Amino acid sequence: MIDGHVWGALIAGADKRAPLPAGTESRLANFAELIATAVSNATVHSELIAASRRVVEAGDAARRRVTRDLHDGAQQQLVNSVINLQLAQQKWAHSPKRAKELLDIGAEEAALGIETLRELAAGIHPAILTDRGLAAAVEALAKTMPVPTDVEIADVSLGEAVEASVYFFCSEGLTNVAKHARAKSARVEIQVQEGCLIVEIADDGVGGAAPRSGESGLTSLSDRVAALKGHLELRSPKTGGTTLRASVPLVAAVSA
């Protein structure tokens, strides 16, 4: 018996009919007890190692998640703020009205970035996502873009973790448009097709986007989609235009 459970049996025998020496049973019992103690200690040690590994892995996963959320959320909002402020500087002399609009957008993005940092420190979702849902949160992202951005989101119920991942996916994708695409317009679509949640971000910019080796925005996006057992597709011909398309099985998206 080990910790109240039958672990095995110790069977002893002899090749002669003569009775076993006196005290054999007690010595065998002591030996069995030693074996049980050794097995119990080994089991406890193994469980402690496994528990420690799970704690370390959970901590690593939490740090990766915070880093990813910081990169895809607050950092992108602050980058957008800088982009809009720089555009305002460029337009101030010949288009003061547009410059003022860009200043307002930049200030709003900076405020959102600071608020997102506070929320990440508290370990919660972005306030607008928590209070008003995914559609309102993505539409708020679109309004901060320096180019007109259309949003079309199907009415589908998703788990909180998935909504957060989709939100940050859109945040990172739109920031890539603002930083690199030199686009005149952009589009965000979230819909259901053939049992999958489809999230698509497209622009009419210069195209030619490609993943870089090591850490990059596209790597972060790919990690998010892979965590939901999904697939990320990038279409960016050199003739122009870029489309990011994430496909996530709806069962995983709803239950996550």
C-alpha atoms as a PDB file:
ATOM      1  CA  MET A   1       0.000   0.000   0.000  1.00  0.00           C
ATOM      2  CA  ILE A   2       1.299   3.455  -0.982  1.00  0.00           C
ATOM      3  CA  ASP A   3      -0.628   6.510   0.212  1.00  0.00           C
ATOM      4  CA  GLY A   4      -3.705   4.366   0.751  1.00  0.00           C
ATOM      5  CA  HIS A   5      -3.586   2.761  -2.702  1.00  0.00           C
ATOM      6  CA  VAL A   6      -2.491  -0.679  -3.760  1.00  0.00           C
ATOM      7  CA  TRP A   7       0.626  -0.181  -5.876  1.00  0.00           C
ATOM      8  CA  GLY A   8       1.756  -3.798  -6.313  1.00  0.00           C
ATOM      9  CA  ALA A   9       2.479  -7.096  -4.615  1.00  0.00           C
ATOM     10  CA  LEU A  10       5.661  -8.717  -3.302  1.00  0.00           C
ATOM     11  CA  ILE A  11       5.616 -12.485  -3.749  1.00  0.00           C
ATOM     12  CA  ALA A  12       8.300 -14.686  -2.231  1.00  0.00           C
ATOM     13  CA  GLY A  13       8.817 -18.397  -2.717  1.00  0.00           C
ATOM     14  CA  ALA A  14      11.336 -21.182  -2.338  1.00  0.00           C
ATOM     15  CA  ASP A  15      12.455 -24.015  -4.577  1.00  0.00           C
ATOM     16  CA  LYS A  16      12.391 -26.467  -1.634  1.00  0.00           C
ATOM     17  CA  ARG A  17       9.519 -27.720   0.515  1.00  0.00           C
ATOM     18  CA  ALA A  18      11.402 -26.939   3.692  1.00  0.00           C
ATOM     19  CA  PRO A  19       9.845 -24.149   5.770  1.00  0.00           C
ATOM     20  CA  LEU A  20      11.366 -20.686   5.435  1.00  0.00           C
ATOM     21  CA  PRO A  21      13.756 -19.566   8.176  1.00  0.00           C
ATOM     22  CA  ALA A  22      12.244 -17.872  11.192  1.00  0.00           C
ATOM     23  CA  GLY A  23      11.744 -14.157  10.777  1.00  0.00           C
ATOM     24  CA  THR A  24      11.580 -14.321   6.969  1.00  0.00           C
ATOM     25  CA  GLU A  25       8.052 -12.857   6.817  1.00  0.00           C
ATOM     26  CA  SER A  26       8.940  -9.888   9.009  1.00  0.00           C
ATOM     27  CA  ARG A  27      12.096  -9.203   6.985  1.00  0.00           C
ATOM     28  CA  LEU A  28      10.083  -9.370   3.751  1.00  0.00           C
ATOM     29  CA  ALA A  29       7.475  -7.030   5.241  1.00  0.00           C
ATOM     30  CA  ASN A  30      10.193  -4.560   6.228  1.00  0.00           C
ATOM     31  CA  PHE A  31      11.685  -4.846   2.732  1.00  0.00           C
ATOM     32  CA  ALA A  32       8.266  -4.221   1.156  1.00  0.00           C
ATOM     33  CA  GLU A  33       7.830  -1.178   3.397  1.00  0.00           C
ATOM     34  CA  LEU A  34      11.187   0.167   2.265  1.00  0.00           C
ATOM     35  CA  ILE A  35      10.165  -0.335  -1.367  1.00  0.00           C
ATOM     36  CA  ALA A  36       6.839   1.420  -0.719  1.00  0.00           C
ATOM     37  CA  THR A  37       8.637   4.361   0.905  1.00  0.00           C
ATOM     38  CA  ALA A  38      11.059   4.616  -2.008  1.00  0.00           C
ATOM     39  CA  VAL A  39       8.244   4.460  -4.565  1.00  0.00           C
ATOM     40  CA  SER A  40       6.210   7.040  -2.625  1.00  0.00           C
ATOM     41  CA  ASN A  41       9.188   9.401  -2.418  1.00  0.00           C
ATOM     42  CA  ALA A  42       9.894   8.952  -6.120  1.00  0.00           C
ATOM     43  CA  THR A  43       6.239   9.593  -6.959  1.00  0.00           C
ATOM     44  CA  VAL A  44       6.127  12.723  -4.808  1.00  0.00           C
ATOM     45  CA  HIS A  45       9.395  13.921  -6.322  1.00  0.00           C
ATOM     46  CA  SER A  46       8.076  13.329  -9.833  1.00  0.00           C
ATOM     47  CA  GLU A  47       4.839  15.162  -9.045  1.00  0.00           C
ATOM     48  CA  LEU A  48       6.776  18.090  -7.570  1.00  0.00           C
ATOM     49  CA  ILE A  49       8.933  18.289 -10.695  1.00  0.00           C
ATOM     50  CA  ALA A  50       5.842  18.178 -12.904  1.00  0.00           C
ATOM     51  CA  ALA A  51       4.107  20.821 -10.786  1.00  0.00           C
ATOM     52  CA  SER A  52       7.182  23.051 -10.878  1.00  0.00           C
ATOM     53  CA  ARG A  53       7.375  22.635 -14.643  1.00  0.00           C
ATOM     54  CA  ARG A  54       3.720  23.600 -15.005  1.00  0.00           C
ATOM     55  CA  VAL A  55       4.254  26.673 -12.813  1.00  0.00           C
ATOM     56  CA  VAL A  56       7.262  27.723 -14.877  1.00  0.00           C
ATOM     57  CA  GLU A  57       5.428  27.085 -18.147  1.00  0.00           C
ATOM     58  CA  ALA A  58       2.370  29.020 -16.923  1.00  0.00           C
ATOM     59  CA  GLY A  59       4.597  31.909 -15.878  1.00  0.00           C
ATOM     60  CA  ASP A  60       6.380  31.898 -19.222  1.00  0.00           C
ATOM     61  CA  ALA A  61       3.058  31.772 -21.061  1.00  0.00           C
ATOM     62  CA  ALA A  62       1.722  34.662 -18.978  1.00  0.00           C
ATOM     63  CA  ARG A  63       4.828  36.744 -19.682  1.00  0.00           C
ATOM     64  CA  ARG A  64       4.578  35.984 -23.401  1.00  0.00           C
ATOM     65  CA  ARG A  65       0.905  36.937 -23.357  1.00  0.00           C
ATOM     66  CA  VAL A  66       1.580  40.244 -21.576  1.00  0.00           C
ATOM     67  CA  THR A  67       4.475  40.999 -23.932  1.00  0.00           C
ATOM     68  CA  ARG A  68       2.316  40.195 -26.950  1.00  0.00           C
ATOM     69  CA  ASP A  69      -0.613  42.236 -25.661  1.00  0.00           C
ATOM     70  CA  LEU A  70       1.711  45.137 -24.892  1.00  0.00           C
ATOM     71  CA  HIS A  71       3.223  44.960 -28.380  1.00  0.00           C
ATOM     72  CA  ASP A  72      -0.082  44.532 -30.199  1.00  0.00           C
ATOM     73  CA  GLY A  73      -2.094  46.915 -28.029  1.00  0.00           C
ATOM     74  CA  ALA A  74      -0.571  49.885 -26.212  1.00  0.00           C
ATOM     75  CA  GLN A  75       2.601  49.997 -28.285  1.00  0.00           C
ATOM     76  CA  GLN A  76       0.657  50.035 -31.537  1.00  0.00           C
ATOM     77  CA  GLN A  77      -1.666  52.765 -30.271  1.00  0.00           C
ATOM     78  CA  LEU A  78       1.299  54.920 -29.262  1.00  0.00           C
ATOM     79  CA  VAL A  79       3.013  54.244 -32.600  1.00  0.00           C
ATOM     80  CA  ASN A  80      -0.178  55.331 -34.369  1.00  0.00           C
ATOM     81  CA  SER A  81      -0.177  58.466 -32.240  1.00  0.00           C
ATOM     82  CA  VAL A  82       3.377  59.305 -33.322  1.00  0.00           C
ATOM     83  CA  ILE A  83       2.518  58.642 -36.987  1.00  0.00           C
ATOM     84  CA  ASN A  84      -0.485  60.960 -36.849  1.00  0.00           C
ATOM     85  CA  LEU A  85       1.491  63.673 -35.060  1.00  0.00           C
ATOM     86  CA  GLN A  86       4.240  63.457 -37.681  1.00  0.00           C
ATOM     87  CA  LEU A  87       1.659  63.701 -40.455  1.00  0.00           C
ATOM     88  CA  ALA A  88       0.180  66.734 -38.718  1.00  0.00           C
ATOM     89  CA  GLN A  89       3.603  68.390 -38.702  1.00  0.00           C
ATOM     90  CA  GLN A  90       3.975  67.764 -42.433  1.00  0.00           C
ATOM     91  CA  LYS A  91       0.528  69.170 -43.250  1.00  0.00           C
ATOM     92  CA  TRP A  92       0.547  72.119 -40.864  1.00  0.00           C
ATOM     93  CA  ALA A  93       1.757  74.694 -43.396  1.00  0.00           C
ATOM     94  CA  HIS A  94      -0.452  73.859 -46.402  1.00  0.00           C
ATOM     95  CA  SER A  95      -3.409  72.069 -44.794  1.00  0.00           C
ATOM     96  CA  PRO A  96      -3.961  73.316 -41.233  1.00  0.00           C
ATOM     97  CA  LYS A  97      -7.486  71.881 -40.997  1.00  0.00           C
ATOM     98  CA  ARG A  98      -6.283  68.341 -41.774  1.00  0.00           C
ATOM     99  CA  ALA A  99      -3.303  68.873 -39.473  1.00  0.00           C
ATOM    100  CA  LYS A 100      -5.692  69.751 -36.639  1.00  0.00           C
ATOM    101  CA  GLU A 101      -7.689  66.571 -37.314  1.00  0.00           C
ATOM    102  CA  LEU A 102      -4.502  64.502 -37.204  1.00  0.00           C
ATOM    103  CA  LEU A 103      -3.454  66.185 -33.961  1.00  0.00           C
ATOM    104  CA  ASP A 104      -6.786  65.274 -32.408  1.00  0.00           C
ATOM    105  CA  ILE A 105      -6.462  61.673 -33.603  1.00  0.00           C
ATOM    106  CA  GLY A 106      -2.880  61.480 -32.317  1.00  0.00           C
ATOM    107  CA  ALA A 107      -3.914  62.779 -28.903  1.00  0.00           C
ATOM    108  CA  GLU A 108      -6.774  60.268 -28.767  1.00  0.00           C
ATOM    109  CA  GLU A 109      -4.416  57.410 -29.697  1.00  0.00           C
ATOM    110  CA  ALA A 110      -1.940  58.496 -27.003  1.00  0.00           C
ATOM    111  CA  ALA A 111      -4.714  58.556 -24.414  1.00  0.00           C
ATOM    112  CA  LEU A 112      -5.906  55.102 -25.522  1.00  0.00           C
ATOM    113  CA  GLY A 113      -2.350  53.774 -25.318  1.00  0.00           C
ATOM    114  CA  ILE A 114      -1.944  55.040 -21.767  1.00  0.00           C
ATOM    115  CA  GLU A 115      -5.307  53.556 -20.789  1.00  0.00           C
ATOM    116  CA  THR A 116      -4.380  50.227 -22.353  1.00  0.00           C
ATOM    117  CA  LEU A 117      -1.134  50.195 -20.363  1.00  0.00           C
ATOM    118  CA  ARG A 118      -3.128  50.702 -17.183  1.00  0.00           C
ATOM    119  CA  GLU A 119      -5.484  47.888 -18.131  1.00  0.00           C
ATOM    120  CA  LEU A 120      -2.640  45.521 -18.967  1.00  0.00           C
ATOM    121  CA  ALA A 121      -1.051  46.292 -15.615  1.00  0.00           C
ATOM    122  CA  ALA A 122      -4.333  45.345 -13.981  1.00  0.00           C
ATOM    123  CA  GLY A 123      -4.616  42.206 -16.123  1.00  0.00           C
ATOM    124  CA  ILE A 124      -7.943  43.050 -17.782  1.00  0.00           C
ATOM    125  CA  HIS A 125      -9.253  43.513 -21.300  1.00  0.00           C
ATOM    126  CA  PRO A 126      -9.272  46.938 -22.966  1.00  0.00           C
ATOM    127  CA  ALA A 127     -12.159  48.862 -21.417  1.00  0.00           C
ATOM    128  CA  ILE A 128     -14.084  49.355 -24.646  1.00  0.00           C
ATOM    129  CA  LEU A 129     -13.824  45.641 -25.415  1.00  0.00           C
ATOM    130  CA  THR A 130     -15.074  44.733 -21.955  1.00  0.00           C
ATOM    131  CA  ASP A 131     -17.848  47.331 -21.862  1.00  0.00           C
ATOM    132  CA  ARG A 132     -19.089  47.471 -25.464  1.00  0.00           C
ATOM    133  CA  GLY A 133     -17.854  44.356 -27.220  1.00  0.00           C
ATOM    134  CA  LEU A 134     -15.652  43.445 -30.148  1.00  0.00           C
ATOM    135  CA  ALA A 135     -17.468  45.401 -32.864  1.00  0.00           C
ATOM    136  CA  ALA A 136     -17.273  48.700 -30.984  1.00  0.00           C
ATOM    137  CA  ALA A 137     -13.637  48.072 -30.056  1.00  0.00           C
ATOM    138  CA  VAL A 138     -12.584  47.374 -33.662  1.00  0.00           C
ATOM    139  CA  GLU A 139     -14.574  50.353 -34.950  1.00  0.00           C
ATOM    140  CA  ALA A 140     -12.722  52.532 -32.418  1.00  0.00           C
ATOM    141  CA  LEU A 141      -9.436  51.228 -33.816  1.00  0.00           C
ATOM    142  CA  ALA A 142     -10.569  52.068 -37.352  1.00  0.00           C
ATOM    143  CA  LYS A 143     -11.420  55.647 -36.377  1.00  0.00           C
ATOM    144  CA  THR A 144      -7.827  56.277 -35.298  1.00  0.00           C
ATOM    145  CA  MET A 145      -6.408  55.228 -38.670  1.00  0.00           C
ATOM    146  CA  PRO A 146      -4.832  57.949 -40.843  1.00  0.00           C
ATOM    147  CA  VAL A 147      -6.732  56.537 -43.869  1.00  0.00           C
ATOM    148  CA  PRO A 148     -10.459  55.727 -44.283  1.00  0.00           C
ATOM    149  CA  THR A 149     -11.071  52.238 -42.857  1.00  0.00           C
ATOM    150  CA  ASP A 150     -14.287  50.272 -43.385  1.00  0.00           C
ATOM    151  CA  VAL A 151     -15.389  47.748 -40.754  1.00  0.00           C
ATOM    152  CA  GLU A 152     -17.790  44.847 -41.258  1.00  0.00           C
ATOM    153  CA  ILE A 153     -18.344  42.466 -38.346  1.00  0.00           C
ATOM    154  CA  ALA A 154     -20.804  39.582 -38.246  1.00  0.00           C
ATOM    155  CA  ASP A 155     -22.919  39.028 -35.145  1.00  0.00           C
ATOM    156  CA  VAL A 156     -21.212  36.003 -33.591  1.00  0.00           C
ATOM    157  CA  SER A 157     -20.712  35.028 -29.958  1.00  0.00           C
ATOM    158  CA  LEU A 158     -17.078  34.438 -29.017  1.00  0.00           C
ATOM    159  CA  GLY A 159     -15.206  33.610 -25.838  1.00  0.00           C
ATOM    160  CA  GLU A 160     -13.508  36.480 -24.000  1.00  0.00           C
ATOM    161  CA  ALA A 161     -10.033  35.159 -24.779  1.00  0.00           C
ATOM    162  CA  VAL A 162     -10.864  34.942 -28.479  1.00  0.00           C
ATOM    163  CA  GLU A 163     -12.361  38.439 -28.548  1.00  0.00           C
ATOM    164  CA  ALA A 164      -9.155  39.781 -27.000  1.00  0.00           C
ATOM    165  CA  SER A 165      -7.019  37.904 -29.529  1.00  0.00           C
ATOM    166  CA  VAL A 166      -9.127  39.157 -32.447  1.00  0.00           C
ATOM    167  CA  TYR A 167      -8.978  42.709 -31.100  1.00  0.00           C
ATOM    168  CA  PHE A 168      -5.190  42.659 -30.801  1.00  0.00           C
ATOM    169  CA  PHE A 169      -4.925  40.970 -34.188  1.00  0.00           C
ATOM    170  CA  CYS A 170      -6.858  43.867 -35.720  1.00  0.00           C
ATOM    171  CA  SER A 171      -4.822  46.419 -33.750  1.00  0.00           C
ATOM    172  CA  GLU A 172      -1.512  45.004 -34.968  1.00  0.00           C
ATOM    173  CA  GLY A 173      -2.771  44.521 -38.529  1.00  0.00           C
ATOM    174  CA  LEU A 174      -4.088  48.078 -38.834  1.00  0.00           C
ATOM    175  CA  THR A 175      -0.906  49.488 -37.349  1.00  0.00           C
ATOM    176  CA  ASN A 176       1.082  47.630 -40.004  1.00  0.00           C
ATOM    177  CA  VAL A 177      -1.127  49.318 -42.600  1.00  0.00           C
ATOM    178  CA  ALA A 178      -0.502  52.744 -41.077  1.00  0.00           C
ATOM    179  CA  LYS A 179       3.257  52.203 -40.769  1.00  0.00           C
ATOM    180  CA  HIS A 180       4.176  50.392 -43.964  1.00  0.00           C
ATOM    181  CA  ALA A 181       1.416  50.177 -46.572  1.00  0.00           C
ATOM    182  CA  ARG A 182       1.221  53.788 -47.801  1.00  0.00           C
ATOM    183  CA  ALA A 183      -2.420  52.956 -48.444  1.00  0.00           C
ATOM    184  CA  LYS A 184      -5.320  55.225 -49.341  1.00  0.00           C
ATOM    185  CA  SER A 185      -7.895  53.002 -47.647  1.00  0.00           C
ATOM    186  CA  ALA A 186      -8.200  49.867 -45.518  1.00  0.00           C
ATOM    187  CA  ARG A 187     -10.830  47.309 -44.589  1.00  0.00           C
ATOM    188  CA  VAL A 188     -11.560  44.996 -41.651  1.00  0.00           C
ATOM    189  CA  GLU A 189     -13.975  42.065 -41.991  1.00  0.00           C
ATOM    190  CA  ILE A 190     -14.912  39.545 -39.316  1.00  0.00           C
ATOM    191  CA  GLN A 191     -17.321  36.867 -40.486  1.00  0.00           C
ATOM    192  CA  VAL A 192     -18.180  33.173 -40.337  1.00  0.00           C
ATOM    193  CA  GLN A 193     -17.531  30.916 -43.304  1.00  0.00           C
ATOM    194  CA  GLU A 194     -17.850  27.130 -43.451  1.00  0.00           C
ATOM    195  CA  GLY A 195     -17.489  26.582 -39.727  1.00  0.00           C
ATOM    196  CA  CYS A 196     -14.586  29.017 -39.306  1.00  0.00           C
ATOM    197  CA  LEU A 197     -14.216  32.507 -37.909  1.00  0.00           C
ATOM    198  CA  ILE A 198     -12.551  34.608 -40.603  1.00  0.00           C
ATOM    199  CA  VAL A 199     -10.732  37.821 -39.705  1.00  0.00           C
ATOM    200  CA  GLU A 200      -9.451  39.765 -42.697  1.00  0.00           C
ATOM    201  CA  ILE A 201      -7.511  43.038 -42.837  1.00  0.00           C
ATOM    202  CA  ALA A 202      -6.834  44.478 -46.274  1.00  0.00           C
ATOM    203  CA  ASP A 203      -5.404  47.651 -47.768  1.00  0.00           C
ATOM    204  CA  ASP A 204      -4.752  49.142 -51.209  1.00  0.00           C
ATOM    205  CA  GLY A 205      -1.143  50.045 -50.440  1.00  0.00           C
ATOM    206  CA  VAL A 206       2.181  49.218 -52.064  1.00  0.00           C
ATOM    207  CA  GLY A 207       2.149  45.472 -51.313  1.00  0.00           C
ATOM    208  CA  GLY A 208       5.248  43.314 -51.131  1.00  0.00           C
ATOM    209  CA  ALA A 209       4.905  42.588 -47.403  1.00  0.00           C
ATOM    210  CA  ALA A 210       6.735  39.482 -46.159  1.00  0.00           C
ATOM    211  CA  PRO A 211       7.524  37.963 -42.750  1.00  0.00           C
ATOM    212  CA  ARG A 212      10.983  38.765 -41.410  1.00  0.00           C
ATOM    213  CA  SER A 213      13.142  36.285 -39.567  1.00  0.00           C
ATOM    214  CA  GLY A 214      12.925  36.432 -35.779  1.00  0.00           C
ATOM    215  CA  GLU A 215      10.371  38.479 -33.865  1.00  0.00           C
ATOM    216  CA  SER A 216       8.111  40.745 -35.892  1.00  0.00           C
ATOM    217  CA  GLY A 217       4.546  41.952 -35.987  1.00  0.00           C
ATOM    218  CA  LEU A 218       3.632  39.142 -38.367  1.00  0.00           C
ATOM    219  CA  THR A 219       5.232  36.608 -36.016  1.00  0.00           C
ATOM    220  CA  SER A 220       3.087  37.906 -33.179  1.00  0.00           C
ATOM    221  CA  LEU A 221      -0.024  37.693 -35.335  1.00  0.00           C
ATOM    222  CA  SER A 222       0.838  34.151 -36.372  1.00  0.00           C
ATOM    223  CA  ASP A 223       1.333  33.141 -32.723  1.00  0.00           C
ATOM    224  CA  ARG A 224      -2.071  34.527 -31.789  1.00  0.00           C
ATOM    225  CA  VAL A 225      -3.830  32.625 -34.527  1.00  0.00           C
ATOM    226  CA  ALA A 226      -1.900  29.412 -33.838  1.00  0.00           C
ATOM    227  CA  ALA A 227      -2.917  29.592 -30.161  1.00  0.00           C
ATOM    228  CA  LEU A 228      -6.538  29.327 -31.367  1.00  0.00           C
ATOM    229  CA  LYS A 229      -5.667  26.348 -33.603  1.00  0.00           C
ATOM    230  CA  GLY A 230      -6.097  28.583 -36.609  1.00  0.00           C
ATOM    231  CA  HIS A 231      -4.200  29.480 -39.752  1.00  0.00           C
ATOM    232  CA  LEU A 232      -2.782  32.812 -40.912  1.00  0.00           C
ATOM    233  CA  GLU A 233      -2.483  33.676 -44.599  1.00  0.00           C
ATOM    234  CA  LEU A 234      -0.651  36.675 -46.028  1.00  0.00           C
ATOM    235  CA  ARG A 235      -1.321  37.867 -49.571  1.00  0.00           C
ATOM    236  CA  SER A 236       0.792  40.845 -50.615  1.00  0.00           C
ATOM    237  CA  PRO A 237       1.709  40.911 -54.312  1.00  0.00           C
ATOM    238  CA  LYS A 238       4.307  43.435 -55.433  1.00  0.00           C
ATOM    239  CA  THR A 239       1.677  44.865 -57.783  1.00  0.00           C
ATOM    240  CA  GLY A 240      -0.030  46.324 -54.715  1.00  0.00           C
ATOM    241  CA  GLY A 241      -2.407  45.640 -51.852  1.00  0.00           C
ATOM    242  CA  THR A 242      -1.978  43.451 -48.787  1.00  0.00           C
ATOM    243  CA  THR A 243      -4.466  41.087 -47.148  1.00  0.00           C
ATOM    244  CA  LEU A 244      -4.040  39.363 -43.799  1.00  0.00           C
ATOM    245  CA  ARG A 245      -6.527  36.537 -43.349  1.00  0.00           C
ATOM    246  CA  ALA A 246      -6.883  34.534 -40.136  1.00  0.00           C
ATOM    247  CA  SER A 247      -9.055  31.417 -40.126  1.00  0.00           C
ATOM    248  CA  VAL A 248     -10.006  29.908 -36.771  1.00  0.00           C
ATOM    249  CA  PRO A 249     -12.261  26.852 -36.285  1.00  0.00           C
ATOM    250  CA  LEU A 250     -15.501  28.184 -34.862  1.00  0.00           C
ATOM    251  CA  VAL A 251     -15.633  25.475 -32.173  1.00  0.00           C
ATOM    252  CA  ALA A 252     -12.262  26.643 -30.820  1.00  0.00           C
ATOM    253  CA  ALA A 253     -13.268  30.298 -31.174  1.00  0.00           C
ATOM    254  CA  VAL A 254     -16.499  29.865 -29.198  1.00  0.00           C
ATOM    255  CA  SER A 255     -15.144  27.571 -26.483  1.00  0.00           C
ATOM    256  CA  ALA A 256     -11.814  29.300 -25.846  1.00  0.00           C
END
